Amino acid sequence: AGLPKIAAAFARGALSYSKVRAMTRIAEADNEDYLLMIAKHGTAHHVEKLVSGYRRAKRLQDPDCADGQYEGRELSHHYDDDGCLVVKARLPAEQGALVVKALEMAMEKDFADRDEDVSAETPDPDPVACRRADALAAIAETYLNDESSAGSTADRYQVVVHVYPKGTSSAETSGAHIENGPCVSAETSERIACDCCVTTIEEDE
């Protein structure tokens, strides 16, 4: 009743039910003529797409929506079957932009460091997804090296790997594993130890 032009066009068969159904979700006196123009020259799919975008834009401008995004922020992680860490995050736009910017800066620095090392044979660049993973690790390392970060003990730098002597049952069944994490191969243990200080602690029963 509040949309006489749309109602009249529908009554005389100029508009399909699908177009009218979509338009009435957002139609007001101010935009009725515009919607009729879109419906006249476009398909029902065009009208649905326009309405969907309009409703999304209106929703994003709602302060309650912004509050809900902030309250719903989350990050979770778990170890996959192959031992890799899988990270999943949902962040508000402003926090997400901050994370993306930090990743881009870390990736740019990595490229700059490679360009400076002209004497080394530079392999083909890794895929972007791999470089993002390296950038995330670099960001974590930078944070841990910051003196203003919480905590002052060396524990925050340590990666603890439990290794069992050869010939023991634990070595055959469990192998080496990161503390509170998955099993790791001998190659992984060697890579962890190649560029850091190593403290060996022997544990008995």
Protein backbone atom coordinates (compact mmCIF):
# COMPACT_ATOMS: atom_id res chain seq x y z
CA ALA A 1 0.00 0.00 0.00
CA GLY A 2 2.87 2.38 0.62
CA LEU A 3 4.40 1.75 -2.82
CA PRO A 4 1.72 2.77 -5.35
CA LYS A 5 3.97 2.82 -8.43
CA ILE A 6 5.33 -0.68 -7.82
CA ALA A 7 1.84 -1.93 -6.97
CA ALA A 8 0.41 -0.48 -10.20
CA ALA A 9 3.18 -1.98 -12.35
CA PHE A 10 2.65 -5.35 -10.70
CA ALA A 11 -1.12 -5.14 -11.18
CA ARG A 12 -0.86 -4.60 -14.91
CA GLY A 13 1.72 -7.37 -15.33
CA ALA A 14 4.69 -5.13 -16.08
CA LEU A 15 6.71 -6.64 -13.21
CA SER A 16 7.22 -10.27 -12.27
CA TYR A 17 6.57 -11.54 -8.77
CA SER A 18 10.32 -12.21 -8.29
CA LYS A 19 11.23 -8.59 -9.02
CA VAL A 20 8.47 -7.21 -6.80
CA ARG A 21 9.41 -9.52 -3.94
CA ALA A 22 13.03 -8.32 -4.09
CA MET A 23 12.19 -4.63 -4.42
CA THR A 24 9.78 -4.55 -1.49
CA ARG A 25 12.59 -5.59 0.84
CA ILE A 26 14.19 -2.15 0.51
CA ALA A 27 11.66 0.01 -1.34
CA GLU A 28 10.66 3.39 0.07
CA ALA A 29 9.03 6.47 -1.40
CA ASP A 30 12.47 7.98 -2.09
CA ASN A 31 13.89 5.05 -4.10
CA GLU A 32 10.72 3.63 -5.70
CA ASP A 33 11.36 5.28 -9.08
CA TYR A 34 14.98 4.10 -9.14
CA LEU A 35 14.01 0.52 -8.37
CA LEU A 36 11.34 0.58 -11.06
CA MET A 37 13.93 1.73 -13.58
CA ILE A 38 16.26 -1.12 -12.61
CA ALA A 39 13.41 -3.65 -12.76
CA LYS A 40 12.31 -2.38 -16.20
CA HIS A 41 15.73 -2.69 -17.82
CA GLY A 42 17.20 -5.60 -15.86
CA THR A 43 16.43 -9.18 -15.01
CA ALA A 44 15.20 -10.55 -11.70
CA HIS A 45 18.81 -11.55 -10.96
CA HIS A 46 19.95 -7.95 -11.43
CA VAL A 47 17.29 -6.72 -9.03
CA GLU A 48 18.14 -9.39 -6.43
CA LYS A 49 21.85 -8.51 -6.65
CA LEU A 50 21.13 -4.80 -6.23
CA VAL A 51 18.86 -5.40 -3.25
CA SER A 52 21.39 -7.74 -1.63
CA GLY A 53 24.18 -5.18 -1.95
CA TYR A 54 21.98 -2.39 -0.63
CA ARG A 55 20.93 -4.40 2.43
CA ARG A 56 24.53 -5.37 3.13
CA ALA A 57 25.65 -1.73 2.93
CA LYS A 58 22.88 -0.63 5.27
CA ARG A 59 23.71 -3.39 7.71
CA LEU A 60 27.39 -2.45 7.79
CA GLN A 61 26.45 1.15 8.61
CA ASP A 62 24.46 0.02 11.64
CA PRO A 63 26.36 0.67 14.91
CA ASP A 64 24.92 -2.54 16.36
CA CYS A 65 26.49 -4.46 13.48
CA ALA A 66 29.91 -2.98 14.23
CA ASP A 67 29.54 -3.85 17.91
CA GLY A 68 28.54 -7.38 16.98
CA GLN A 69 31.59 -7.78 14.76
CA TYR A 70 33.88 -6.67 17.57
CA GLU A 71 32.22 -8.90 20.14
CA GLY A 72 32.39 -11.83 17.73
CA ARG A 73 36.13 -11.59 17.06
CA GLU A 74 37.94 -14.87 17.56
CA LEU A 75 41.06 -16.84 16.75
CA SER A 76 41.47 -20.57 17.08
CA HIS A 77 44.25 -23.00 16.25
CA HIS A 78 44.83 -26.73 16.23
CA TYR A 79 47.41 -29.23 15.04
CA ASP A 80 46.45 -31.11 11.89
CA ASP A 81 46.96 -34.82 11.37
CA ASP A 82 50.33 -34.21 9.70
CA GLY A 83 51.55 -32.06 12.62
CA CYS A 84 51.09 -28.66 10.98
CA LEU A 85 49.51 -25.85 12.95
CA VAL A 86 46.24 -24.61 11.44
CA VAL A 87 45.18 -21.08 12.43
CA LYS A 88 41.71 -19.63 11.81
CA ALA A 89 40.70 -16.08 12.70
CA ARG A 90 37.67 -13.82 12.36
CA LEU A 91 38.48 -10.16 12.97
CA PRO A 92 36.68 -6.84 12.65
CA ALA A 93 37.68 -4.89 9.55
CA GLU A 94 40.03 -2.51 11.36
CA GLN A 95 41.88 -5.32 13.15
CA GLY A 96 41.98 -7.35 9.95
CA ALA A 97 43.50 -4.44 8.04
CA LEU A 98 46.17 -4.12 10.74
CA VAL A 99 47.10 -7.80 10.43
CA VAL A 100 47.16 -7.67 6.62
CA LYS A 101 49.37 -4.57 6.68
CA ALA A 102 51.80 -6.24 9.09
CA LEU A 103 51.99 -9.31 6.84
CA GLU A 104 52.65 -7.15 3.78
CA MET A 105 55.40 -5.23 5.56
CA ALA A 106 57.06 -8.45 6.71
CA MET A 107 56.91 -9.84 3.17
CA GLU A 108 58.42 -6.64 1.74
CA LYS A 109 61.25 -6.75 4.28
CA ASP A 110 61.99 -10.36 3.34
CA PHE A 111 62.27 -9.36 -0.32
CA ALA A 112 64.50 -6.41 0.58
CA ASP A 113 66.80 -8.67 2.60
CA ARG A 114 67.09 -11.04 -0.34
CA ASP A 115 67.94 -8.20 -2.73
CA GLU A 116 70.75 -7.03 -0.44
CA ASP A 117 72.34 -10.48 -0.41
CA VAL A 118 73.55 -10.27 -4.01
CA SER A 119 76.30 -12.85 -3.51
CA ALA A 120 73.89 -15.66 -2.70
CA GLU A 121 72.14 -17.70 -5.33
CA THR A 122 68.53 -16.63 -4.93
CA PRO A 123 66.07 -19.41 -5.72
CA ASP A 124 62.75 -18.81 -7.38
CA PRO A 125 60.43 -16.89 -5.04
CA ASP A 126 58.06 -18.94 -2.96
CA PRO A 127 54.32 -18.76 -3.62
CA VAL A 128 52.54 -15.85 -1.97
CA ALA A 129 50.76 -18.16 0.48
CA CYS A 130 54.12 -19.55 1.65
CA ARG A 131 55.54 -16.05 2.03
CA ARG A 132 52.54 -15.04 4.14
CA ALA A 133 53.24 -18.00 6.43
CA ASP A 134 56.89 -16.93 6.78
CA ALA A 135 55.75 -13.35 7.42
CA LEU A 136 53.45 -14.48 10.23
CA ALA A 137 56.33 -16.37 11.86
CA ALA A 138 58.54 -13.29 11.51
CA ILE A 139 55.89 -11.12 13.17
CA ALA A 140 55.70 -13.57 16.09
CA GLU A 141 59.48 -13.59 16.44
CA THR A 142 59.62 -9.79 16.36
CA TYR A 143 57.05 -9.60 19.14
CA LEU A 144 58.95 -12.10 21.29
CA ASN A 145 62.17 -10.12 20.81
CA ASP A 146 60.52 -6.88 21.95
CA GLU A 147 61.63 -6.03 25.49
CA SER A 148 58.26 -4.42 26.20
CA SER A 149 56.45 -7.71 25.59
CA ALA A 150 54.96 -9.42 28.60
CA GLY A 151 57.30 -11.69 30.51
CA SER A 152 61.04 -11.50 30.96
CA THR A 153 62.12 -15.13 31.23
CA ALA A 154 63.74 -17.15 28.50
CA ASP A 155 60.78 -19.54 28.52
CA ARG A 156 58.94 -17.36 26.03
CA TYR A 157 61.70 -18.04 23.48
CA GLN A 158 61.98 -21.77 24.04
CA VAL A 159 60.69 -24.49 21.79
CA VAL A 160 60.71 -27.67 23.87
CA VAL A 161 61.16 -30.92 21.96
CA HIS A 162 60.99 -34.25 23.80
CA VAL A 163 63.24 -36.92 22.28
CA TYR A 164 63.53 -40.52 23.44
CA PRO A 165 66.73 -42.63 23.29
CA LYS A 166 66.98 -45.18 20.54
CA GLY A 167 65.99 -48.67 21.55
CA THR A 168 63.33 -47.59 24.03
CA SER A 169 59.65 -48.33 23.60
CA SER A 170 58.77 -44.63 23.76
CA ALA A 171 61.06 -43.89 20.85
CA GLU A 172 59.29 -46.47 18.72
CA THR A 173 55.75 -45.46 19.65
CA SER A 174 55.97 -41.71 20.21
CA GLY A 175 59.11 -40.48 18.53
CA ALA A 176 60.08 -36.87 19.16
CA HIS A 177 57.33 -34.37 19.80
CA ILE A 178 56.94 -30.68 20.59
CA GLU A 179 55.76 -30.09 24.13
CA ASN A 180 51.95 -29.99 24.14
CA GLY A 181 52.11 -30.50 20.40
CA PRO A 182 52.49 -33.10 17.67
CA CYS A 183 55.30 -35.46 16.79
CA VAL A 184 58.15 -34.07 14.69
CA SER A 185 60.71 -35.76 12.49
CA ALA A 186 64.45 -35.82 13.06
CA GLU A 187 64.84 -33.35 10.19
CA THR A 188 62.46 -30.92 11.91
CA SER A 189 64.37 -31.23 15.18
CA GLU A 190 67.62 -30.48 13.39
CA ARG A 191 66.10 -27.44 11.66
CA ILE A 192 64.83 -26.10 14.99
CA ALA A 193 68.26 -26.49 16.55
CA CYS A 194 70.36 -25.15 13.66
CA ASP A 195 70.06 -21.42 14.46
CA CYS A 196 69.53 -21.21 18.21
CA CYS A 197 71.07 -22.10 21.55
CA VAL A 198 70.34 -25.66 22.63
CA THR A 199 69.80 -26.66 26.25
CA THR A 200 69.67 -30.39 26.83
CA ILE A 201 67.77 -31.71 29.85
CA GLU A 202 67.82 -35.43 30.60
CA GLU A 203 64.69 -36.82 32.26
CA ASP A 204 64.40 -40.18 33.97
CA GLU A 205 61.26 -42.07 34.94
